[in-house]
Amino acid sequence: MDIAFSSFALLVLLPLMLVLAVVVRRDSHGPAFFHQDRVGRNGQVFQMIKFRSMVTNAESILSSLKNANETDGLMFKMAIDPRVTRCGRWMRKYSLDELPQFWNVLRGDMSLVGPRPPLKKEVDEYEKPTHRRLLIKPGITGLWQVSGRSDLPWDEAVRLDLYYVENWSLTGDFIILWRTFRAVYEPTGAY
């Protein structure tokens, strides 16, 4: 299912992705795509690809923003992050920056549905039960993305991911995919 759907999505979305790549390049200095090492199934590291929605030096600026983190867990989130570009704001709101991850799904690094792929530094700070998130492939979308996204507290996001890992079903994946389409049209907690 992952291979068939991601192949179809890449083919159908190619014109939109070409337009988005041009928009990103024209909006701010730097490449259209952003590659980042993420941790996948069984702790394997892979390069996740996204449209670049932040300034090119976003990682170096992050240390100066640590005190402005608006989440209670391991992830860093700000509703109005000064590193986000103009086009990055609306691309993130509608999850358009995530479209290139269909390539990661086609390559087998990710799945359509699953926990979001964490950074290595996040995994290094996981408490023991949280490591179960790594028992399956990470996904483009998942239970926490359709249940509030960045508005959820860290513990709730982890609880939803672990529930998904322990209760996976094909029917559940189809329900999450359906809810994802709704969440894209009516974005909540996307920043």
Protein backbone atom coordinates (compact mmCIF):
# COMPACT_ATOMS: atom_id res chain seq x y z
CA MET A 1 0.00 0.00 0.00
CA ASP A 2 2.81 2.43 0.89
CA ILE A 3 4.60 1.90 -2.43
CA ALA A 4 1.46 2.13 -4.57
CA PHE A 5 0.05 5.18 -2.79
CA SER A 6 3.36 7.08 -2.61
CA SER A 7 4.10 6.40 -6.30
CA PHE A 8 0.65 7.67 -7.25
CA ALA A 9 0.95 10.70 -4.94
CA LEU A 10 4.36 11.67 -6.33
CA LEU A 11 3.07 11.41 -9.89
CA VAL A 12 -0.10 13.41 -9.23
CA LEU A 13 1.54 16.00 -6.97
CA LEU A 14 4.62 16.58 -9.15
CA PRO A 15 3.28 19.78 -10.80
CA LEU A 16 2.31 21.23 -7.39
CA MET A 17 5.67 20.25 -5.91
CA LEU A 18 7.52 21.96 -8.79
CA VAL A 19 5.55 25.16 -8.16
CA LEU A 20 6.24 24.95 -4.40
CA ALA A 21 9.96 24.44 -5.07
CA VAL A 22 10.04 27.63 -7.15
CA VAL A 23 8.07 29.54 -4.48
CA VAL A 24 10.49 28.43 -1.73
CA ARG A 25 13.53 29.44 -3.80
CA ARG A 26 12.05 32.85 -4.63
CA ASP A 27 10.86 33.54 -1.07
CA SER A 28 14.23 33.27 0.67
CA HIS A 29 17.86 32.50 -0.04
CA GLY A 30 18.73 28.80 -0.07
CA PRO A 31 17.68 25.44 -1.49
CA ALA A 32 14.06 24.40 -2.02
CA PHE A 33 14.47 21.19 -0.03
CA PHE A 34 15.59 20.55 3.52
CA HIS A 35 17.24 17.24 4.45
CA GLN A 36 17.53 16.18 8.06
CA ASP A 37 18.70 13.01 9.79
CA ARG A 38 15.79 11.33 11.57
CA VAL A 39 15.46 8.08 13.46
CA GLY A 40 13.27 5.41 11.92
CA ARG A 41 12.26 1.83 12.61
CA ASN A 42 14.52 0.01 15.05
CA GLY A 43 16.66 3.11 15.51
CA GLN A 44 17.92 3.29 11.92
CA VAL A 45 18.88 6.81 10.86
CA PHE A 46 17.68 8.09 7.48
CA GLN A 47 17.52 11.42 5.66
CA MET A 48 14.03 12.88 5.74
CA ILE A 49 13.21 15.38 3.02
CA LYS A 50 10.85 18.35 3.27
CA PHE A 51 10.33 21.65 1.53
CA ARG A 52 12.47 24.21 3.34
CA SER A 53 10.12 26.32 5.45
CA MET A 54 12.76 28.06 7.56
CA VAL A 55 15.77 30.28 6.97
CA THR A 56 18.92 28.37 6.06
CA ASN A 57 20.63 29.03 9.42
CA ALA A 58 17.58 27.91 11.48
CA GLU A 59 19.53 25.22 13.37
CA SER A 60 22.18 27.69 14.56
CA ILE A 61 19.49 30.18 15.71
CA LEU A 62 17.65 27.46 17.67
CA SER A 63 19.95 27.68 20.71
CA SER A 64 19.03 31.33 21.22
CA LEU A 65 15.31 30.44 21.19
CA LYS A 66 15.39 27.56 23.71
CA ASN A 67 13.68 29.64 26.41
CA ALA A 68 10.80 30.43 24.02
CA ASN A 69 9.80 26.77 23.57
CA GLU A 70 6.02 26.47 23.86
CA THR A 71 5.87 22.70 24.33
CA ASP A 72 6.43 20.69 27.46
CA GLY A 73 8.37 17.80 25.96
CA LEU A 74 11.42 17.01 23.89
CA MET A 75 10.30 18.75 20.72
CA PHE A 76 10.81 22.46 20.12
CA LYS A 77 7.72 24.36 18.95
CA MET A 78 6.76 28.03 18.75
CA ALA A 79 3.46 29.24 17.32
CA ILE A 80 5.25 32.26 15.82
CA ASP A 81 8.77 31.00 15.14
CA PRO A 82 10.99 33.81 13.75
CA ARG A 83 12.97 31.25 11.74
CA VAL A 84 9.97 30.36 9.55
CA THR A 85 9.89 32.03 6.13
CA ARG A 86 6.85 33.81 4.67
CA CYS A 87 5.89 30.90 2.42
CA GLY A 88 6.88 28.50 5.20
CA ARG A 89 4.02 29.78 7.36
CA TRP A 90 1.25 28.77 4.98
CA MET A 91 3.06 25.65 3.78
CA ARG A 92 3.29 24.42 7.38
CA LYS A 93 -0.30 25.37 8.13
CA TYR A 94 -1.54 23.12 5.30
CA SER A 95 1.28 20.53 5.66
CA LEU A 96 2.52 21.25 2.14
CA ASP A 97 6.12 21.21 3.38
CA GLU A 98 5.66 17.48 4.09
CA LEU A 99 4.82 16.46 0.49
CA PRO A 100 8.39 15.42 -0.46
CA GLN A 101 8.20 12.76 2.27
CA PHE A 102 6.26 10.60 -0.19
CA TRP A 103 9.77 9.99 -1.59
CA ASN A 104 10.85 8.68 1.84
CA VAL A 105 7.81 6.37 1.80
CA LEU A 106 8.65 5.12 -1.70
CA ARG A 107 12.25 4.44 -0.57
CA GLY A 108 11.01 2.44 2.41
CA ASP A 109 12.33 4.79 5.11
CA MET A 110 8.83 5.83 6.15
CA SER A 111 5.23 4.70 5.93
CA LEU A 112 2.11 6.69 5.11
CA VAL A 113 0.90 6.32 8.71
CA GLY A 114 2.95 6.01 11.88
CA PRO A 115 4.63 8.06 14.60
CA ARG A 116 6.51 11.12 13.33
CA PRO A 117 10.23 10.43 12.84
CA PRO A 118 12.14 11.95 15.77
CA LEU A 119 15.53 13.61 15.83
CA LYS A 120 18.45 11.62 17.27
CA LYS A 121 18.80 14.07 20.19
CA GLU A 122 15.13 13.46 21.07
CA VAL A 123 15.58 9.68 20.99
CA ASP A 124 18.62 9.99 23.25
CA GLU A 125 16.34 11.53 25.91
CA TYR A 126 13.47 9.05 25.58
CA GLU A 127 12.31 7.33 28.72
CA LYS A 128 12.11 3.53 28.44
CA PRO A 129 8.49 3.07 27.25
CA THR A 130 8.82 5.86 24.66
CA HIS A 131 11.36 3.76 22.70
CA ARG A 132 8.46 1.56 21.57
CA ARG A 133 7.65 4.31 19.07
CA LEU A 134 10.61 2.98 17.08
CA LEU A 135 9.18 -0.53 16.66
CA ILE A 136 7.47 0.47 13.39
CA LYS A 137 8.28 2.77 10.50
CA PRO A 138 7.60 6.44 11.12
CA GLY A 139 4.81 8.02 9.09
CA ILE A 140 3.94 11.15 7.17
CA THR A 141 0.78 11.29 9.25
CA GLY A 142 -0.30 9.60 12.42
CA LEU A 143 -2.71 9.52 15.30
CA TRP A 144 -1.28 12.56 17.10
CA GLN A 145 -1.25 14.64 13.88
CA VAL A 146 -5.01 14.17 13.49
CA SER A 147 -5.66 14.65 17.21
CA GLY A 148 -4.31 18.16 17.76
CA ARG A 149 -0.71 18.17 16.49
CA SER A 150 1.49 20.75 18.20
CA ASP A 151 -1.31 21.76 20.56
CA LEU A 152 -1.02 18.41 22.39
CA PRO A 153 1.21 18.02 25.44
CA TRP A 154 4.23 15.75 24.95
CA ASP A 155 2.84 12.96 27.16
CA GLU A 156 -0.39 12.86 25.16
CA ALA A 157 1.49 12.75 21.83
CA VAL A 158 3.60 9.83 23.11
CA ARG A 159 0.50 8.07 24.47
CA LEU A 160 -1.21 8.33 21.07
CA ASP A 161 1.89 7.06 19.24
CA LEU A 162 2.26 4.09 21.60
CA TYR A 163 -1.45 3.30 21.26
CA TYR A 164 -1.00 3.25 17.48
CA VAL A 165 2.09 1.00 17.69
CA GLU A 166 0.36 -1.49 19.99
CA ASN A 167 -3.00 -1.51 18.17
CA TRP A 168 -2.04 -1.17 14.51
CA SER A 169 -4.61 -2.21 11.93
CA LEU A 170 -5.18 -1.51 8.25
CA THR A 171 -8.62 -0.14 9.10
CA GLY A 172 -7.03 2.21 11.62
CA ASP A 173 -4.61 3.44 8.95
CA PHE A 174 -7.47 4.21 6.57
CA ILE A 175 -9.30 6.12 9.31
CA ILE A 176 -6.17 8.15 10.10
CA LEU A 177 -5.63 8.89 6.38
CA TRP A 178 -9.24 10.06 6.08
CA ARG A 179 -8.87 12.26 9.17
CA THR A 180 -5.59 13.63 7.73
CA PHE A 181 -7.39 14.96 4.66
CA ARG A 182 -9.84 16.73 6.97
CA ALA A 183 -7.00 18.09 9.16
CA VAL A 184 -5.26 19.57 6.11
CA TYR A 185 -8.40 21.47 5.11
CA GLU A 186 -9.19 22.54 8.66
CA PRO A 187 -5.70 22.91 10.21
CA THR A 188 -5.46 22.94 13.98
CA GLY A 189 -2.18 23.03 15.87
CA ALA A 190 -0.11 23.28 12.68
CA TYR A 191 2.89 25.59 13.08
